[in-house]
């Protein structure tokens, strides 16, 4: 089956649903789990560092740790060990870079449509089209 299940997470409700599904799959298959948080710092790339950007970066870093720790807690609750990794960059690119051919990526989607999807793109769509491993896209159940 899969050696490792990668669960990219941003703390959103669709992401939490993907965490739930990914952990259950890991428990059933015995796969290792990596909770991956990508700090999307692309918006700060053109801004010279100052105290405001440092404060924002600190908040992003705090959110990143809280988010991956949520996955660790949920894993412990059902008996699944979770490794964590926090990286910076473009989310879809980092998710792909941190996956291998024997992995499974389980990620949530917000289900963007129309103009929002055209302007902002879709992390899930980019990962599905460019990953070298299978991708399971999870929508938040109603």
Protein backbone atom coordinates (compact mmCIF):
# COMPACT_ATOMS: atom_id res chain seq x y z
CA UNK A 1 0.00 0.00 0.00
CA UNK A 2 1.42 3.41 0.98
CA UNK A 3 4.57 3.92 3.02
CA UNK A 4 3.54 7.37 4.18
CA UNK A 5 0.44 9.51 4.20
CA UNK A 6 1.10 13.21 3.90
CA UNK A 7 -1.62 15.43 5.34
CA UNK A 8 -1.08 19.07 4.35
CA UNK A 9 -3.03 21.19 6.79
CA UNK A 10 -3.90 24.83 7.24
CA UNK A 11 -6.33 24.49 10.14
CA UNK A 12 -9.43 25.14 8.03
CA UNK A 13 -12.55 23.00 8.35
CA UNK A 14 -11.91 21.19 5.03
CA UNK A 15 -8.36 20.55 6.22
CA UNK A 16 -9.61 19.10 9.51
CA UNK A 17 -11.84 16.71 7.56
CA UNK A 18 -8.76 15.62 5.57
CA UNK A 19 -6.89 15.10 8.86
CA UNK A 20 -9.67 12.85 10.09
CA UNK A 21 -9.78 10.81 6.87
CA UNK A 22 -5.99 10.61 6.54
CA UNK A 23 -5.48 9.44 10.12
CA UNK A 24 -8.20 6.80 9.81
CA UNK A 25 -6.57 5.52 6.63
CA UNK A 26 -3.16 5.44 8.33
CA UNK A 27 -4.59 3.48 11.24
CA UNK A 28 -6.15 0.95 8.86
CA UNK A 29 -3.02 0.52 6.70
CA UNK A 30 -0.18 1.06 9.18
CA UNK A 31 1.26 3.89 7.07
CA UNK A 32 3.43 6.60 8.61
CA UNK A 33 1.89 10.09 8.77
CA UNK A 34 3.46 13.46 8.05
CA UNK A 35 1.46 16.57 8.98
CA UNK A 36 2.73 19.30 6.67
CA UNK A 37 2.09 23.01 7.14
CA UNK A 38 3.20 25.41 4.42
CA UNK A 39 3.66 29.00 5.52
CA UNK A 40 2.65 30.88 2.38
CA UNK A 41 5.14 33.73 2.59
CA UNK A 42 4.86 34.70 -1.09
CA UNK A 43 2.90 37.83 -0.13
CA UNK A 44 5.90 39.03 1.90
CA UNK A 45 8.54 38.36 -0.75
CA UNK A 46 8.53 41.92 -2.12
CA UNK A 47 8.24 43.63 1.26
CA UNK A 48 11.46 44.63 3.01
CA UNK A 49 11.68 43.13 6.50
CA UNK A 50 10.62 45.42 9.34
CA UNK A 51 9.00 45.00 12.73
CA UNK A 52 5.50 44.59 11.22
CA UNK A 53 6.54 41.77 8.88
CA UNK A 54 8.47 40.18 11.75
CA UNK A 55 5.31 40.27 13.89
CA UNK A 56 3.23 38.79 11.08
CA UNK A 57 5.83 36.08 10.50
CA UNK A 58 5.77 35.25 14.22
CA UNK A 59 1.98 34.92 14.11
CA UNK A 60 2.20 32.66 11.05
CA UNK A 61 4.81 30.52 12.78
CA UNK A 62 2.66 30.24 15.92
CA UNK A 63 -0.36 29.25 13.82
CA UNK A 64 1.75 26.68 11.98
CA UNK A 65 2.81 24.98 15.21
CA UNK A 66 -0.72 25.01 16.64
CA UNK A 67 -2.06 23.51 13.42
CA UNK A 68 0.38 20.59 13.16
CA UNK A 69 0.05 19.95 16.90
CA UNK A 70 -3.70 19.51 16.34
CA UNK A 71 -2.88 16.66 13.93
CA UNK A 72 -0.49 15.12 16.48
CA UNK A 73 -3.21 15.23 19.17
CA UNK A 74 -5.81 13.70 16.85
CA UNK A 75 -3.33 10.99 15.89
CA UNK A 76 -2.58 10.16 19.55
CA UNK A 77 -6.30 9.97 20.25
CA UNK A 78 -6.67 7.08 17.76
CA UNK A 79 -3.23 5.53 18.22
CA UNK A 80 -1.44 6.92 15.15
CA UNK A 81 2.03 8.47 15.44
CA UNK A 82 2.37 11.73 13.49
CA UNK A 83 5.56 13.47 12.40
CA UNK A 84 5.34 17.19 11.67
CA UNK A 85 7.05 19.50 9.24
CA UNK A 86 6.68 23.24 8.72
CA UNK A 87 8.03 24.78 5.52
CA UNK A 88 7.80 28.11 3.70
CA UNK A 89 6.83 28.73 0.11
CA UNK A 90 4.04 28.19 -2.38
CA UNK A 91 1.69 25.61 -0.82
CA UNK A 92 1.13 23.38 -3.87
CA UNK A 93 4.85 23.37 -4.75
CA UNK A 94 5.92 22.51 -1.20
CA UNK A 95 3.33 19.74 -0.88
CA UNK A 96 4.63 18.16 -4.09
CA UNK A 97 8.29 18.64 -3.09
CA UNK A 98 7.69 16.93 0.25
CA UNK A 99 6.05 13.86 -1.27
CA UNK A 100 7.53 10.78 -2.90
CA UNK A 101 6.29 8.11 -5.32
CA UNK A 102 5.22 5.70 -2.55
CA UNK A 103 3.24 8.30 -0.62
CA UNK A 104 -0.41 9.29 -0.55
CA UNK A 105 -1.36 12.94 -0.15
CA UNK A 106 -4.65 13.55 1.67
CA UNK A 107 -5.77 17.16 1.53
CA UNK A 108 -8.90 19.17 2.02
CA UNK A 109 -10.41 21.56 -0.45
CA UNK A 110 -12.51 24.62 0.05
CA UNK A 111 -14.28 23.93 -3.23
CA UNK A 112 -13.62 27.31 -4.83
CA UNK A 113 -15.55 27.96 -8.01
CA UNK A 114 -15.86 30.59 -10.71
CA UNK A 115 -13.82 33.77 -10.55
CA UNK A 116 -12.32 32.97 -7.14
CA UNK A 117 -10.81 29.76 -8.57
CA UNK A 118 -9.50 31.54 -11.67
CA UNK A 119 -7.89 34.36 -9.68
CA UNK A 120 -6.60 32.40 -6.70
CA UNK A 121 -6.10 28.97 -8.22
CA UNK A 122 -6.58 25.79 -6.30
CA UNK A 123 -3.90 24.16 -4.20
CA UNK A 124 -5.72 20.84 -4.47
CA UNK A 125 -6.03 21.10 -8.24
CA UNK A 126 -2.32 21.92 -8.67
CA UNK A 127 -1.30 19.05 -6.41
CA UNK A 128 -3.59 16.59 -8.22
CA UNK A 129 -2.14 17.55 -11.60
CA UNK A 130 1.54 17.63 -10.63
CA UNK A 131 2.16 15.17 -7.77
CA UNK A 132 4.08 11.98 -8.53
CA UNK A 133 1.91 10.02 -6.10
CA UNK A 134 -1.81 9.44 -5.57
CA UNK A 135 -3.82 12.32 -4.11
CA UNK A 136 -7.03 12.01 -2.12
CA UNK A 137 -9.04 15.23 -2.03
CA UNK A 138 -11.50 15.53 0.85
CA UNK A 139 -14.41 17.93 1.08
CA UNK A 140 -15.95 18.92 4.40
CA UNK A 141 -19.09 16.89 4.93
CA UNK A 142 -22.28 18.84 5.63
